[in-house]
C-alpha atoms as a PDB file:
ATOM      1  CA  MET A   1     -21.941 -58.990   5.372  1.00  0.00           C
ATOM      2  CA  ALA A   2     -19.717 -57.644   8.469  1.00  0.00           C
ATOM      3  CA  THR A   3     -21.194 -54.254  10.090  1.00  0.00           C
ATOM      4  CA  ASP A   4     -18.899 -52.307  12.312  1.00  0.00           C
ATOM      5  CA  TYR A   5     -21.266 -50.935  14.900  1.00  0.00           C
ATOM      6  CA  ASP A   6     -17.994 -48.939  16.552  1.00  0.00           C
ATOM      7  CA  ALA A   7     -17.387 -46.908  13.536  1.00  0.00           C
ATOM      8  CA  PRO A   8     -18.450 -43.140  13.920  1.00  0.00           C
ATOM      9  CA  ARG A   9     -21.913 -42.377  12.528  1.00  0.00           C
ATOM     10  CA  ARG A  10     -22.549 -39.431  10.513  1.00  0.00           C
ATOM     11  CA  GLY A  11     -24.919 -36.856  11.556  1.00  0.00           C
ATOM     12  CA  ALA A  12     -28.306 -36.255   9.914  1.00  0.00           C
ATOM     13  CA  GLU A  13     -27.490 -32.766   8.819  1.00  0.00           C
ATOM     14  CA  ASP A  14     -24.338 -34.355   6.688  1.00  0.00           C
ATOM     15  CA  GLU A  15     -26.652 -36.921   5.066  1.00  0.00           C
ATOM     16  CA  ASP A  16     -29.168 -34.408   4.348  1.00  0.00           C
ATOM     17  CA  ALA A  17     -26.732 -31.716   2.653  1.00  0.00           C
ATOM     18  CA  GLU A  18     -25.079 -34.691   0.630  1.00  0.00           C
ATOM     19  CA  SER A  19     -28.396 -36.298  -0.385  1.00  0.00           C
ATOM     20  CA  ILE A  20     -29.734 -33.144  -1.607  1.00  0.00           C
ATOM     21  CA  GLU A  21     -26.727 -32.697  -3.962  1.00  0.00           C
ATOM     22  CA  GLU A  22     -26.859 -36.014  -5.029  1.00  0.00           C
ATOM     23  CA  VAL A  23     -30.458 -35.576  -5.845  1.00  0.00           C
ATOM     24  CA  LYS A  24     -29.932 -32.578  -7.841  1.00  0.00           C
ATOM     25  CA  ALA A  25     -27.129 -34.092  -9.723  1.00  0.00           C
ATOM     26  CA  ALA A  26     -29.099 -37.082 -10.631  1.00  0.00           C
ATOM     27  CA  ALA A  27     -32.192 -35.221 -11.679  1.00  0.00           C
ATOM     28  CA  ALA A  28     -29.948 -33.126 -14.002  1.00  0.00           C
ATOM     29  CA  THR A  29     -28.399 -36.403 -15.657  1.00  0.00           C
ATOM     30  CA  LYS A  30     -31.686 -37.841 -15.763  1.00  0.00           C
ATOM     31  CA  LYS A  31     -33.123 -35.061 -17.664  1.00  0.00           C
ATOM     32  CA  SER A  32     -30.377 -35.133 -20.164  1.00  0.00           C
ATOM     33  CA  GLN A  33     -30.433 -38.844 -20.813  1.00  0.00           C
ATOM     34  CA  SER A  34     -34.160 -39.147 -21.204  1.00  0.00           C
ATOM     35  CA  PRO A  35     -36.508 -37.247 -23.170  1.00  0.00           C
ATOM     36  CA  GLU A  36     -39.967 -35.972 -21.688  1.00  0.00           C
ATOM     37  CA  VAL A  37     -43.102 -37.476 -22.839  1.00  0.00           C
ATOM     38  CA  ASP A  38     -46.336 -35.586 -21.801  1.00  0.00           C
ATOM     39  CA  GLU A  39     -49.006 -37.955 -22.484  1.00  0.00           C
ATOM     40  CA  ASP A  40     -52.553 -37.713 -20.998  1.00  0.00           C
ATOM     41  CA  GLU A  41     -52.993 -40.931 -18.925  1.00  0.00           C
ATOM     42  CA  THR A  42     -56.780 -40.765 -19.277  1.00  0.00           C
ATOM     43  CA  LEU A  43     -56.855 -40.374 -23.156  1.00  0.00           C
ATOM     44  CA  VAL A  44     -54.757 -43.695 -23.351  1.00  0.00           C
ATOM     45  CA  ALA A  45     -57.048 -45.311 -21.063  1.00  0.00           C
ATOM     46  CA  GLU A  46     -60.132 -44.431 -23.067  1.00  0.00           C
ATOM     47  CA  THR A  47     -58.397 -45.693 -26.368  1.00  0.00           C
ATOM     48  CA  PHE A  48     -57.560 -48.828 -25.043  1.00  0.00           C
ATOM     49  CA  GLU A  49     -60.134 -51.666 -25.187  1.00  0.00           C
ATOM     50  CA  LEU A  50     -59.680 -55.213 -23.746  1.00  0.00           C
ATOM     51  CA  PRO A  51     -60.936 -58.136 -25.945  1.00  0.00           C
ATOM     52  CA  GLY A  52     -64.313 -59.131 -24.918  1.00  0.00           C
ATOM     53  CA  ALA A  53     -64.802 -56.435 -22.615  1.00  0.00           C
ATOM     54  CA  ASP A  54     -68.002 -55.048 -24.185  1.00  0.00           C
ATOM     55  CA  LEU A  55     -70.853 -56.493 -22.532  1.00  0.00           C
ATOM     56  CA  SER A  56     -73.486 -53.936 -23.386  1.00  0.00           C
ATOM     57  CA  HIS A  57     -75.442 -56.707 -25.092  1.00  0.00           C
ATOM     58  CA  GLU A  58     -75.709 -59.143 -22.361  1.00  0.00           C
ATOM     59  CA  SER A  59     -78.395 -59.010 -19.788  1.00  0.00           C
ATOM     60  CA  LEU A  60     -78.235 -60.229 -16.286  1.00  0.00           C
ATOM     61  CA  ASP A  61     -80.892 -62.195 -14.729  1.00  0.00           C
ATOM     62  CA  ILE A  62     -80.406 -63.470 -11.260  1.00  0.00           C
ATOM     63  CA  THR A  63     -82.917 -65.019  -9.133  1.00  0.00           C
ATOM     64  CA  VAL A  64     -82.729 -64.081  -5.403  1.00  0.00           C
ATOM     65  CA  ILE A  65     -83.430 -66.654  -2.887  1.00  0.00           C
ATOM     66  CA  PRO A  66     -84.278 -65.486   0.543  1.00  0.00           C
ATOM     67  CA  GLN A  67     -82.513 -66.536   3.625  1.00  0.00           C
ATOM     68  CA  GLN A  68     -83.223 -70.216   4.594  1.00  0.00           C
ATOM     69  CA  PRO A  69     -83.836 -71.304   8.267  1.00  0.00           C
ATOM     70  CA  ASP A  70     -80.764 -73.603   8.284  1.00  0.00           C
ATOM     71  CA  GLU A  71     -78.779 -70.361   7.389  1.00  0.00           C
ATOM     72  CA  PHE A  72     -77.243 -67.456   9.297  1.00  0.00           C
ATOM     73  CA  VAL A  73     -75.666 -64.040   8.468  1.00  0.00           C
ATOM     74  CA  CYS A  74     -72.255 -63.552   9.686  1.00  0.00           C
ATOM     75  CA  SER A  75     -72.011 -60.343  11.715  1.00  0.00           C
ATOM     76  CA  SER A  76     -68.533 -59.597  10.663  1.00  0.00           C
ATOM     77  CA  CYS A  77     -68.305 -60.198   6.976  1.00  0.00           C
ATOM     78  CA  PHE A  78     -72.254 -60.374   6.483  1.00  0.00           C
ATOM     79  CA  LEU A  79     -72.058 -63.097   4.138  1.00  0.00           C
ATOM     80  CA  VAL A  80     -75.072 -66.076   4.331  1.00  0.00           C
ATOM     81  CA  HIS A  81     -73.721 -69.077   5.945  1.00  0.00           C
ATOM     82  CA  HIS A  82     -74.887 -72.673   6.529  1.00  0.00           C
ATOM     83  CA  HIS A  83     -75.480 -73.136  10.097  1.00  0.00           C
ATOM     84  CA  ALA A  84     -72.577 -75.641  10.208  1.00  0.00           C
ATOM     85  CA  ALA A  85     -70.020 -72.849   9.219  1.00  0.00           C
ATOM     86  CA  ALA A  86     -70.872 -70.961  12.696  1.00  0.00           C
ATOM     87  CA  VAL A  87     -68.090 -71.184  15.450  1.00  0.00           C
ATOM     88  CA  GLN A  88     -70.552 -72.644  17.973  1.00  0.00           C
ATOM     89  CA  PRO A  89     -74.130 -73.399  17.432  1.00  0.00           C
ATOM     90  CA  GLY A  90     -76.232 -70.432  17.715  1.00  0.00           C
ATOM     91  CA  ALA A  91     -73.113 -67.897  16.996  1.00  0.00           C
ATOM     92  CA  THR A  92     -73.457 -65.311  14.717  1.00  0.00           C
ATOM     93  CA  VAL A  93     -69.822 -65.364  13.585  1.00  0.00           C
ATOM     94  CA  CYS A  94     -68.353 -67.590  10.964  1.00  0.00           C
ATOM     95  CA  ARG A  95     -65.503 -69.954  11.239  1.00  0.00           C
ATOM     96  CA  ASP A  96     -63.545 -68.117   8.674  1.00  0.00           C
ATOM     97  CA  CYS A  97     -64.083 -64.650  10.808  1.00  0.00           C
ATOM     98  CA  ALA A  98     -63.516 -66.079  14.017  1.00  0.00           C
END
């Protein structure tokens, strides 16, 4: 698409005046074309249930393993990584964060 950069430009005041009129006209036609629906979004969200989403009968059992001597905590993402994932030996930043 060719653009003529030498063509006179319209001022910001002209654009604002026309755009306000256009917005008002578009809003008036939009209201006349579509009916207004006043629906509470929170009510709709409360009545909608996903299949299998009820996990209240499940119990969560996790065994926490302390940090091992060959692991380190990244000082950027705070995840525990194996020492091979360090940028340099002895560094506290993992390769993903570096």
